Protein backbone atom coordinates (compact mmCIF):
# COMPACT_ATOMS: atom_id res chain seq x y z
CA MET A 1 252.53 -32.85 99.88
CA ASP A 2 251.47 -33.26 96.92
CA LEU A 3 248.64 -31.01 95.68
CA PRO A 4 245.99 -32.03 93.24
CA PRO A 5 245.83 -30.87 89.91
CA SER A 6 244.28 -27.37 88.74
CA ARG A 7 241.48 -27.32 86.53
CA LEU A 8 243.97 -25.67 83.87
CA GLU A 9 246.35 -28.77 84.38
CA GLN A 10 243.82 -31.32 83.92
CA GLY A 11 242.66 -29.81 80.60
CA PRO A 12 238.64 -29.44 79.33
CA PRO A 13 236.34 -31.33 80.96
CA ALA A 14 235.05 -34.30 78.77
CA PRO A 15 232.42 -33.83 76.99
CA ARG A 16 228.74 -35.29 77.73
CA ARG A 17 227.22 -38.37 76.11
CA SER A 18 223.88 -37.23 76.22
CA PRO A 19 222.19 -35.71 72.94
CA ALA A 20 220.12 -33.85 74.74
CA ALA A 21 220.93 -29.79 76.88
CA PRO A 22 222.23 -30.43 80.55
CA GLY A 23 218.25 -30.08 81.77
CA ALA A 24 216.82 -31.21 78.73
CA TRP A 25 213.46 -33.05 79.20
CA ARG A 26 214.02 -36.90 77.76
CA PRO A 27 211.44 -38.62 76.42
CA ARG A 28 212.54 -42.07 76.88
CA GLU A 29 212.54 -42.16 80.22
CA LEU A 30 208.95 -41.68 80.06
CA HIS A 31 206.51 -43.81 81.86
CA PRO A 32 205.73 -46.21 78.38
CA ASP A 33 201.78 -45.00 79.77
CA ALA A 34 203.21 -41.42 79.40
CA GLY A 35 204.49 -41.25 76.57
CA VAL A 36 201.52 -43.62 74.44
CA LEU A 37 199.15 -40.24 76.29
CA LEU A 38 202.01 -37.91 74.48
CA ALA A 39 201.80 -39.71 71.43
CA ARG A 40 198.15 -39.69 70.66
CA ARG A 41 197.92 -35.87 71.71
CA GLN A 42 200.13 -35.62 68.54
CA VAL A 43 198.46 -37.08 66.27
CA PHE A 44 195.68 -34.97 65.64
CA TRP A 45 198.45 -32.09 64.85
CA SER A 46 200.27 -34.49 62.44
CA GLN A 47 198.03 -35.70 60.01
CA ALA A 48 196.89 -31.98 59.74
CA VAL A 49 199.63 -30.56 58.53
CA LEU A 50 200.18 -34.24 56.37
CA ARG A 51 196.57 -33.33 54.83
CA VAL A 52 197.83 -29.53 53.68
CA LEU A 53 200.59 -31.02 52.27
CA LEU A 54 199.05 -34.72 50.82
CA PRO A 55 195.17 -34.40 50.36
CA ARG A 56 194.92 -37.86 49.56
CA ALA A 57 197.37 -39.99 51.36
CA ASP A 58 196.20 -43.09 52.07
CA CYS A 59 197.93 -45.34 55.53
CA LEU A 60 201.55 -45.72 54.70
CA PRO A 61 202.39 -41.65 53.95
CA ARG A 62 200.24 -40.87 57.22
CA SER A 63 201.72 -43.88 59.38
CA LEU A 64 205.26 -42.88 58.66
CA ALA A 65 204.83 -39.11 58.73
CA LEU A 66 203.43 -39.70 62.64
CA ALA A 67 205.86 -42.05 63.30
CA ARG A 68 208.73 -39.48 61.82
CA TYR A 69 207.84 -36.75 63.83
CA LEU A 70 207.33 -38.66 67.18
CA THR A 71 211.00 -40.28 66.88
CA ALA A 72 211.54 -36.35 66.07
CA LEU A 73 210.34 -36.16 69.74
CA GLY A 74 212.00 -39.24 70.82
CA LEU A 75 209.15 -41.25 71.12
CA PRO A 76 209.94 -44.94 70.41
CA ALA A 77 207.46 -45.23 67.39
CA GLU A 78 207.25 -48.09 64.65
CA VAL A 79 204.74 -47.77 61.47
CA CYS A 80 203.82 -51.21 61.05
CA VAL A 81 203.14 -52.55 57.08
CA ALA A 82 199.92 -55.65 57.21
CA ARG A 83 198.02 -58.20 55.00
CA ALA A 84 194.70 -58.67 55.69
CA LEU A 85 194.12 -62.32 56.53
CA THR A 86 190.67 -61.61 54.46
CA SER A 87 190.79 -59.20 51.88
CA THR A 88 187.26 -58.55 49.71
CA PHE A 89 189.04 -56.00 47.96
CA GLU A 90 191.89 -55.47 46.31
CA LYS A 91 192.56 -52.03 47.91
CA ASP A 92 191.94 -52.88 51.16
CA THR A 93 194.21 -56.03 51.02
CA PHE A 94 197.74 -53.84 52.67
CA HIS A 95 197.57 -51.99 55.62
CA ALA A 96 199.73 -49.75 57.50
CA TRP A 97 199.88 -47.98 61.04
CA THR A 98 201.88 -46.44 63.65
CA GLU A 99 202.70 -47.46 67.25
CA VAL A 100 204.01 -46.50 70.05
CA HIS A 101 204.71 -49.12 73.28
CA GLY A 102 202.59 -51.15 71.36
CA VAL A 103 199.84 -49.46 71.49
CA VAL A 104 197.76 -48.34 67.37
CA LEU A 105 198.17 -44.60 67.68
CA ASN A 106 196.72 -43.87 64.29
CA ASP A 107 193.69 -46.33 63.63
CA ASN A 108 191.32 -48.69 65.94
CA GLN A 109 193.25 -50.93 67.86
CA ASP A 110 191.26 -54.26 66.57
CA VAL A 111 193.36 -53.74 63.70
CA THR A 112 195.88 -55.89 64.47
CA VAL A 113 193.18 -58.87 64.80
CA GLY A 114 192.68 -58.60 61.05
CA TYR A 115 196.02 -58.07 59.63
CA ARG A 116 198.45 -59.83 59.56
CA VAL A 117 202.57 -57.71 60.25
CA LEU A 118 205.01 -58.69 57.73
CA GLN A 119 207.50 -55.78 58.46
CA ARG A 120 207.91 -53.63 61.67
CA ILE A 121 209.26 -49.77 60.96
CA GLY A 122 211.34 -49.30 63.87
CA SER A 123 212.97 -45.82 65.38
CA ALA A 124 216.39 -45.87 63.90
CA GLN A 125 215.15 -46.67 60.91
CA LEU A 126 213.20 -43.51 60.58
CA THR A 127 216.42 -40.81 61.27
CA ASP A 128 217.58 -38.94 59.21
CA THR A 129 221.30 -40.62 58.94
CA PRO A 130 223.22 -40.08 55.98
CA ALA A 131 222.62 -41.24 52.21
CA ALA A 132 224.89 -43.54 50.94
CA PRO A 133 226.14 -42.51 47.11
CA GLY A 134 222.73 -43.49 44.82
CA ARG A 135 220.71 -44.12 47.64
CA ARG A 136 217.74 -42.02 48.48
CA ARG A 137 217.58 -40.38 52.36
CA GLY A 138 214.97 -41.97 54.41
CA LEU A 139 214.32 -45.43 55.48
CA ALA A 140 217.28 -47.86 56.27
CA PRO A 141 217.09 -51.27 54.68
């Protein structure tokens, strides 16, 4: 009669593939509406910290900081860099904002009407990846 091998004979259990601890909350499993609600609750705190560190920050640093923070929380944030369709002032030619599931977080939702998106910087490009020699850490090409 063959008996199943004991636990010691099988070796250690296979490592879990999940990046979070067992039983940990995973925001990517949230419904998109719940993810947007969670992200909206985090906008104030992210922007408040950035205003302390960079009081005169424009839209791009604010959007990158918010997207990086939301990405660290596990939400699929994107930074949209856009050019104005019509502009009377040179300062207003380019603009940036952060989106989660297509919803603008740190600007008016109607901002998408007056601008043409040139580049979307996704969550994968905002993670901490080791930089190649001679390159800065942060955004991937």
